[in-house]
Amino acid sequence: MDLKVDDSRVEAVSHTGIYVRAFSKEENHHGSYDIAELDAESLLVWLRSRGGDNPWAEDVVGILLGHGHLHKMTKG
């Protein structure tokens, strides 16, 4: 699992206290980052990392962390 940090979110978002190992392109190294600092794609990868697959709950987490929906909305 190669999680990536959205460097624009580092220190700009409220932290959850849940830390994971992720790569920061700006700092050019892996380190410990709050899940709120992950990019949307990495957040979804992390949410599903232990066999999870609940698009509704994943979208709720995405919205709460300021990413919006992590899944494309479908009509109907």
PDB file of N, CA and C in Angstrom:
ATOM      1  N   MET A   1       0.860  -1.165   0.000  1.00  0.00           N
ATOM      2  CA  MET A   1       0.000   0.000   0.000  1.00  0.00           C
ATOM      3  C   MET A   1       0.906   1.226   0.000  1.00  0.00           C
ATOM      4  N   ASP A   2       0.884   1.972  -1.087  1.00  0.00           N
ATOM      5  CA  ASP A   2       1.726   3.150  -1.226  1.00  0.00           C
ATOM      6  C   ASP A   2       0.853   4.397  -1.129  1.00  0.00           C
ATOM      7  N   LEU A   3       0.615   4.858   0.093  1.00  0.00           N
ATOM      8  CA  LEU A   3      -0.236   6.023   0.316  1.00  0.00           C
ATOM      9  C   LEU A   3       0.539   7.297   0.023  1.00  0.00           C
ATOM     10  N   LYS A   4      -0.188   8.290  -0.496  1.00  0.00           N
ATOM     11  CA  LYS A   4       0.440   9.562  -0.838  1.00  0.00           C
ATOM     12  C   LYS A   4      -0.239  10.709  -0.105  1.00  0.00           C
ATOM     13  N   VAL A   5       0.572  11.664   0.288  1.00  0.00           N
ATOM     14  CA  VAL A   5       0.102  12.850   0.986  1.00  0.00           C
ATOM     15  C   VAL A   5      -0.283  13.908  -0.044  1.00  0.00           C
ATOM     16  N   ASP A   6      -1.353  14.631   0.233  1.00  0.00           N
ATOM     17  CA  ASP A   6      -1.684  15.827  -0.542  1.00  0.00           C
ATOM     18  C   ASP A   6      -1.008  16.968   0.214  1.00  0.00           C
ATOM     19  N   ASP A   7       0.154  17.393  -0.264  1.00  0.00           N
ATOM     20  CA  ASP A   7       0.972  18.348   0.480  1.00  0.00           C
ATOM     21  C   ASP A   7       0.246  19.656   0.778  1.00  0.00           C
ATOM     22  N   SER A   8      -0.783  20.000  -0.002  1.00  0.00           N
ATOM     23  CA  SER A   8      -1.537  21.220   0.287  1.00  0.00           C
ATOM     24  C   SER A   8      -2.413  21.056   1.526  1.00  0.00           C
ATOM     25  N   ARG A   9      -2.631  19.803   1.957  1.00  0.00           N
ATOM     26  CA  ARG A   9      -3.465  19.555   3.133  1.00  0.00           C
ATOM     27  C   ARG A   9      -2.656  19.472   4.429  1.00  0.00           C
ATOM     28  N   VAL A  10      -1.349  19.292   4.317  1.00  0.00           N
ATOM     29  CA  VAL A  10      -0.506  19.166   5.509  1.00  0.00           C
ATOM     30  C   VAL A  10      -0.588  20.472   6.292  1.00  0.00           C
ATOM     31  N   GLU A  11      -0.912  20.368   7.532  1.00  0.00           N
ATOM     32  CA  GLU A  11      -1.051  21.498   8.450  1.00  0.00           C
ATOM     33  C   GLU A  11      -2.225  22.415   8.114  1.00  0.00           C
ATOM     34  N   ALA A  12      -2.949  22.163   7.016  1.00  0.00           N
ATOM     35  CA  ALA A  12      -4.068  23.016   6.642  1.00  0.00           C
ATOM     36  C   ALA A  12      -5.411  22.406   7.037  1.00  0.00           C
ATOM     37  N   VAL A  13      -5.392  21.184   7.531  1.00  0.00           N
ATOM     38  CA  VAL A  13      -6.635  20.501   7.879  1.00  0.00           C
ATOM     39  C   VAL A  13      -6.614  20.108   9.348  1.00  0.00           C
ATOM     40  N   SER A  14      -7.812  19.893   9.896  1.00  0.00           N
ATOM     41  CA  SER A  14      -7.905  19.380  11.263  1.00  0.00           C
ATOM     42  C   SER A  14      -7.457  17.929  11.258  1.00  0.00           C
ATOM     43  N   HIS A  15      -6.720  17.545  12.247  1.00  0.00           N
ATOM     44  CA  HIS A  15      -6.197  16.181  12.307  1.00  0.00           C
ATOM     45  C   HIS A  15      -7.144  15.258  13.047  1.00  0.00           C
ATOM     46  N   THR A  16      -7.087  13.981  12.673  1.00  0.00           N
ATOM     47  CA  THR A  16      -7.949  12.967  13.270  1.00  0.00           C
ATOM     48  C   THR A  16      -7.266  12.236  14.421  1.00  0.00           C
ATOM     49  N   GLY A  17      -5.931  12.271  14.435  1.00  0.00           N
ATOM     50  CA  GLY A  17      -5.180  11.485  15.412  1.00  0.00           C
ATOM     51  C   GLY A  17      -4.899  10.073  14.914  1.00  0.00           C
ATOM     52  N   ILE A  18      -5.284   9.782  13.668  1.00  0.00           N
ATOM     53  CA  ILE A  18      -5.036   8.477  13.058  1.00  0.00           C
ATOM     54  C   ILE A  18      -3.893   8.656  12.070  1.00  0.00           C
ATOM     55  N   TYR A  19      -2.752   8.067  12.393  1.00  0.00           N
ATOM     56  CA  TYR A  19      -1.548   8.253  11.584  1.00  0.00           C
ATOM     57  C   TYR A  19      -1.197   7.007  10.795  1.00  0.00           C
ATOM     58  N   VAL A  20      -0.744   7.229   9.567  1.00  0.00           N
ATOM     59  CA  VAL A  20      -0.333   6.147   8.675  1.00  0.00           C
ATOM     60  C   VAL A  20       0.989   6.535   8.029  1.00  0.00           C
ATOM     61  N   ARG A  21       1.657   5.548   7.477  1.00  0.00           N
ATOM     62  CA  ARG A  21       2.898   5.811   6.745  1.00  0.00           C
ATOM     63  C   ARG A  21       2.529   6.173   5.315  1.00  0.00           C
ATOM     64  N   ALA A  22       3.016   7.332   4.852  1.00  0.00           N
ATOM     65  CA  ALA A  22       2.693   7.803   3.504  1.00  0.00           C
ATOM     66  C   ALA A  22       3.863   8.578   2.936  1.00  0.00           C
ATOM     67  N   PHE A  23       3.811   8.798   1.618  1.00  0.00           N
ATOM     68  CA  PHE A  23       4.888   9.499   0.927  1.00  0.00           C
ATOM     69  C   PHE A  23       4.483  10.941   0.652  1.00  0.00           C
ATOM     70  N   SER A  24       5.376  11.862   0.992  1.00  0.00           N
ATOM     71  CA  SER A  24       5.190  13.277   0.692  1.00  0.00           C
ATOM     72  C   SER A  24       6.115  13.652  -0.457  1.00  0.00           C
ATOM     73  N   LYS A  25       5.514  14.076  -1.562  1.00  0.00           N
ATOM     74  CA  LYS A  25       6.300  14.481  -2.726  1.00  0.00           C
ATOM     75  C   LYS A  25       7.119  15.737  -2.386  1.00  0.00           C
ATOM     76  N   GLU A  26       6.514  16.670  -1.648  1.00  0.00           N
ATOM     77  CA  GLU A  26       7.196  17.914  -1.289  1.00  0.00           C
ATOM     78  C   GLU A  26       8.436  17.663  -0.433  1.00  0.00           C
ATOM     79  N   GLU A  27       8.307  16.744   0.528  1.00  0.00           N
ATOM     80  CA  GLU A  27       9.437  16.431   1.405  1.00  0.00           C
ATOM     81  C   GLU A  27      10.304  15.306   0.833  1.00  0.00           C
ATOM     82  N   ASN A  28       9.815  14.646  -0.217  1.00  0.00           N
ATOM     83  CA  ASN A  28      10.527  13.576  -0.902  1.00  0.00           C
ATOM     84  C   ASN A  28      10.940  12.428   0.022  1.00  0.00           C
ATOM     85  N   HIS A  29      10.032  12.063   0.915  1.00  0.00           N
ATOM     86  CA  HIS A  29      10.288  10.892   1.761  1.00  0.00           C
ATOM     87  C   HIS A  29       8.995  10.388   2.384  1.00  0.00           C
ATOM     88  N   HIS A  30       9.070   9.164   2.898  1.00  0.00           N
ATOM     89  CA  HIS A  30       7.960   8.574   3.636  1.00  0.00           C
ATOM     90  C   HIS A  30       8.025   9.058   5.079  1.00  0.00           C
ATOM     91  N   GLY A  31       6.873   9.211   5.669  1.00  0.00           N
ATOM     92  CA  GLY A  31       6.813   9.616   7.063  1.00  0.00           C
ATOM     93  C   GLY A  31       5.455   9.268   7.642  1.00  0.00           C
ATOM     94  N   SER A  32       5.222   9.705   8.860  1.00  0.00           N
ATOM     95  CA  SER A  32       3.970   9.469   9.556  1.00  0.00           C
ATOM     96  C   SER A  32       3.060  10.678   9.343  1.00  0.00           C
ATOM     97  N   TYR A  33       1.889  10.438   8.748  1.00  0.00           N
ATOM     98  CA  TYR A  33       0.953  11.510   8.427  1.00  0.00           C
ATOM     99  C   TYR A  33      -0.446  11.129   8.882  1.00  0.00           C
ATOM    100  N   ASP A  34      -1.206  12.121   9.282  1.00  0.00           N
ATOM    101  CA  ASP A  34      -2.601  11.924   9.658  1.00  0.00           C
ATOM    102  C   ASP A  34      -3.399  11.555   8.398  1.00  0.00           C
ATOM    103  N   ILE A  35      -4.422  10.719   8.541  1.00  0.00           N
ATOM    104  CA  ILE A  35      -5.211  10.333   7.374  1.00  0.00           C
ATOM    105  C   ILE A  35      -5.885  11.538   6.712  1.00  0.00           C
ATOM    106  N   ALA A  36      -6.096  12.611   7.447  1.00  0.00           N
ATOM    107  CA  ALA A  36      -6.689  13.825   6.877  1.00  0.00           C
ATOM    108  C   ALA A  36      -5.742  14.490   5.884  1.00  0.00           C
ATOM    109  N   GLU A  37      -4.463  14.146   5.924  1.00  0.00           N
ATOM    110  CA  GLU A  37      -3.472  14.729   5.028  1.00  0.00           C
ATOM    111  C   GLU A  37      -3.275  13.927   3.741  1.00  0.00           C
ATOM    112  N   LEU A  38      -3.919  12.760   3.647  1.00  0.00           N
ATOM    113  CA  LEU A  38      -3.798  11.931   2.451  1.00  0.00           C
ATOM    114  C   LEU A  38      -4.560  12.551   1.284  1.00  0.00           C
ATOM    115  N   ASP A  39      -4.114  12.233   0.052  1.00  0.00           N
ATOM    116  CA  ASP A  39      -4.921  12.641  -1.092  1.00  0.00           C
ATOM    117  C   ASP A  39      -6.144  11.725  -1.135  1.00  0.00           C
ATOM    118  N   ALA A  40      -7.160  12.110  -1.896  1.00  0.00           N
ATOM    119  CA  ALA A  40      -8.433  11.379  -1.910  1.00  0.00           C
ATOM    120  C   ALA A  40      -8.256   9.921  -2.333  1.00  0.00           C
ATOM    121  N   GLU A  41      -7.443   9.679  -3.341  1.00  0.00           N
ATOM    122  CA  GLU A  41      -7.225   8.311  -3.817  1.00  0.00           C
ATOM    123  C   GLU A  41      -6.594   7.444  -2.722  1.00  0.00           C
ATOM    124  N   SER A  42      -5.605   7.978  -2.026  1.00  0.00           N
ATOM    125  CA  SER A  42      -4.940   7.221  -0.955  1.00  0.00           C
ATOM    126  C   SER A  42      -5.864   6.999   0.226  1.00  0.00           C
ATOM    127  N   LEU A  43      -6.711   7.981   0.531  1.00  0.00           N
ATOM    128  CA  LEU A  43      -7.681   7.805   1.614  1.00  0.00           C
ATOM    129  C   LEU A  43      -8.591   6.632   1.296  1.00  0.00           C
ATOM    130  N   LEU A  44      -9.065   6.540   0.064  1.00  0.00           N
ATOM    131  CA  LEU A  44      -9.930   5.427  -0.329  1.00  0.00           C
ATOM    132  C   LEU A  44      -9.182   4.100  -0.261  1.00  0.00           C
ATOM    133  N   VAL A  45      -7.940   4.076  -0.702  1.00  0.00           N
ATOM    134  CA  VAL A  45      -7.129   2.857  -0.610  1.00  0.00           C
ATOM    135  C   VAL A  45      -6.994   2.439   0.845  1.00  0.00           C
ATOM    136  N   TRP A  46      -6.715   3.385   1.724  1.00  0.00           N
ATOM    137  CA  TRP A  46      -6.552   3.066   3.144  1.00  0.00           C
ATOM    138  C   TRP A  46      -7.865   2.562   3.743  1.00  0.00           C
ATOM    139  N   LEU A  47      -8.985   3.214   3.403  1.00  0.00           N
ATOM    140  CA  LEU A  47     -10.277   2.788   3.942  1.00  0.00           C
ATOM    141  C   LEU A  47     -10.614   1.351   3.543  1.00  0.00           C
ATOM    142  N   ARG A  48     -10.157   0.938   2.373  1.00  0.00           N
ATOM    143  CA  ARG A  48     -10.456  -0.411   1.879  1.00  0.00           C
ATOM    144  C   ARG A  48      -9.352  -1.425   2.187  1.00  0.00           C
ATOM    145  N   SER A  49      -8.303  -1.005   2.861  1.00  0.00           N
ATOM    146  CA  SER A  49      -7.105  -1.830   3.028  1.00  0.00           C
ATOM    147  C   SER A  49      -7.312  -3.119   3.815  1.00  0.00           C
ATOM    148  N   ARG A  50      -8.344  -3.197   4.597  1.00  0.00           N
ATOM    149  CA  ARG A  50      -8.582  -4.416   5.383  1.00  0.00           C
ATOM    150  C   ARG A  50      -9.853  -5.122   4.930  1.00  0.00           C
ATOM    151  N   GLY A  51     -10.111  -5.028   3.624  1.00  0.00           N
ATOM    152  CA  GLY A  51     -11.248  -5.743   3.063  1.00  0.00           C
ATOM    153  C   GLY A  51     -12.542  -4.956   3.049  1.00  0.00           C
ATOM    154  N   GLY A  52     -12.519  -3.701   3.429  1.00  0.00           N
ATOM    155  CA  GLY A  52     -13.730  -2.892   3.436  1.00  0.00           C
ATOM    156  C   GLY A  52     -14.219  -2.588   2.032  1.00  0.00           C
ATOM    157  N   ASP A  53     -15.510  -2.425   1.909  1.00  0.00           N
ATOM    158  CA  ASP A  53     -16.105  -2.041   0.629  1.00  0.00           C
ATOM    159  C   ASP A  53     -17.499  -1.510   0.912  1.00  0.00           C
ATOM    160  N   ASN A  54     -17.554  -0.271   1.378  1.00  0.00           N
ATOM    161  CA  ASN A  54     -18.820   0.362   1.703  1.00  0.00           C
ATOM    162  C   ASN A  54     -18.791   1.774   1.128  1.00  0.00           C
ATOM    163  N   PRO A  55     -19.182   1.926  -0.148  1.00  0.00           N
ATOM    164  CA  PRO A  55     -19.094   3.225  -0.812  1.00  0.00           C
ATOM    165  C   PRO A  55     -19.792   4.355  -0.061  1.00  0.00           C
ATOM    166  N   TRP A  56     -20.937   4.087   0.536  1.00  0.00           N
ATOM    167  CA  TRP A  56     -21.658   5.124   1.260  1.00  0.00           C
ATOM    168  C   TRP A  56     -20.824   5.618   2.439  1.00  0.00           C
ATOM    169  N   ALA A  57     -20.302   4.714   3.251  1.00  0.00           N
ATOM    170  CA  ALA A  57     -19.487   5.102   4.402  1.00  0.00           C
ATOM    171  C   ALA A  57     -18.188   5.773   3.949  1.00  0.00           C
ATOM    172  N   GLU A  58     -17.610   5.277   2.875  1.00  0.00           N
ATOM    173  CA  GLU A  58     -16.371   5.875   2.356  1.00  0.00           C
ATOM    174  C   GLU A  58     -16.623   7.310   1.896  1.00  0.00           C
ATOM    175  N   ASP A  59     -17.773   7.552   1.260  1.00  0.00           N
ATOM    176  CA  ASP A  59     -18.121   8.913   0.861  1.00  0.00           C
ATOM    177  C   ASP A  59     -18.323   9.814   2.074  1.00  0.00           C
ATOM    178  N   VAL A  60     -18.944   9.290   3.125  1.00  0.00           N
ATOM    179  CA  VAL A  60     -19.139  10.084   4.343  1.00  0.00           C
ATOM    180  C   VAL A  60     -17.789  10.503   4.918  1.00  0.00           C
ATOM    181  N   VAL A  61     -16.845   9.585   4.995  1.00  0.00           N
ATOM    182  CA  VAL A  61     -15.510   9.917   5.508  1.00  0.00           C
ATOM    183  C   VAL A  61     -14.851  10.947   4.598  1.00  0.00           C
ATOM    184  N   GLY A  62     -14.964  10.771   3.287  1.00  0.00           N
ATOM    185  CA  GLY A  62     -14.408  11.737   2.349  1.00  0.00           C
ATOM    186  C   GLY A  62     -14.985  13.128   2.550  1.00  0.00           C
ATOM    187  N   ILE A  63     -16.287  13.203   2.746  1.00  0.00           N
ATOM    188  CA  ILE A  63     -16.944  14.494   2.972  1.00  0.00           C
ATOM    189  C   ILE A  63     -16.482  15.100   4.288  1.00  0.00           C
ATOM    190  N   LEU A  64     -16.451  14.303   5.355  1.00  0.00           N
ATOM    191  CA  LEU A  64     -16.029  14.814   6.663  1.00  0.00           C
ATOM    192  C   LEU A  64     -14.589  15.329   6.662  1.00  0.00           C
ATOM    193  N   LEU A  65     -13.742  14.716   5.831  1.00  0.00           N
ATOM    194  CA  LEU A  65     -12.340  15.130   5.772  1.00  0.00           C
ATOM    195  C   LEU A  65     -12.075  16.169   4.679  1.00  0.00           C
ATOM    196  N   GLY A  66     -13.151  16.661   4.054  1.00  0.00           N
ATOM    197  CA  GLY A  66     -13.009  17.756   3.105  1.00  0.00           C
ATOM    198  C   GLY A  66     -12.681  17.383   1.674  1.00  0.00           C
ATOM    199  N   HIS A  67     -12.773  16.104   1.329  1.00  0.00           N
ATOM    200  CA  HIS A  67     -12.512  15.671  -0.044  1.00  0.00           C
ATOM    201  C   HIS A  67     -13.785  15.644  -0.887  1.00  0.00           C
ATOM    202  N   GLY A  68     -14.918  15.655  -0.252  1.00  0.00           N
ATOM    203  CA  GLY A  68     -16.164  15.430  -0.972  1.00  0.00           C
ATOM    204  C   GLY A  68     -16.359  13.943  -1.193  1.00  0.00           C
ATOM    205  N   HIS A  69     -17.234  13.600  -2.133  1.00  0.00           N
ATOM    206  CA  HIS A  69     -17.490  12.188  -2.424  1.00  0.00           C
ATOM    207  C   HIS A  69     -16.245  11.533  -2.992  1.00  0.00           C
ATOM    208  N   LEU A  70     -15.925  10.338  -2.503  1.00  0.00           N
ATOM    209  CA  LEU A  70     -14.789   9.574  -3.016  1.00  0.00           C
ATOM    210  C   LEU A  70     -15.193   8.705  -4.200  1.00  0.00           C
ATOM    211  N   HIS A  71     -16.505   8.585  -4.428  1.00  0.00           N
ATOM    212  CA  HIS A  71     -17.054   7.806  -5.536  1.00  0.00           C
ATOM    213  C   HIS A  71     -17.875   8.728  -6.416  1.00  0.00           C
ATOM    214  N   LYS A  72     -17.904   8.432  -7.707  1.00  0.00           N
ATOM    215  CA  LYS A  72     -18.727   9.208  -8.624  1.00  0.00           C
ATOM    216  C   LYS A  72     -20.188   8.936  -8.314  1.00  0.00           C
ATOM    217  N   MET A  73     -20.955  10.004  -8.308  1.00  0.00           N
ATOM    218  CA  MET A  73     -22.396   9.878  -8.065  1.00  0.00           C
ATOM    219  C   MET A  73     -23.047   9.329  -9.329  1.00  0.00           C
ATOM    220  N   THR A  74     -23.991   8.402  -9.160  1.00  0.00           N
ATOM    221  CA  THR A  74     -24.728   7.873 -10.310  1.00  0.00           C
ATOM    222  C   THR A  74     -26.186   8.306 -10.204  1.00  0.00           C
ATOM    223  N   LYS A  75     -26.804   8.512 -11.329  1.00  0.00           N
ATOM    224  CA  LYS A  75     -28.210   8.905 -11.337  1.00  0.00           C
ATOM    225  C   LYS A  75     -29.076   7.675 -11.121  1.00  0.00           C
ATOM    226  N   GLY A  76     -30.208   7.895 -10.434  1.00  0.00           N
ATOM    227  CA  GLY A  76     -31.187   6.852 -10.257  1.00  0.00           C
ATOM    228  C   GLY A  76     -30.847   5.967  -9.153  1.00  0.00           C
TER     229      GLY A  76
END
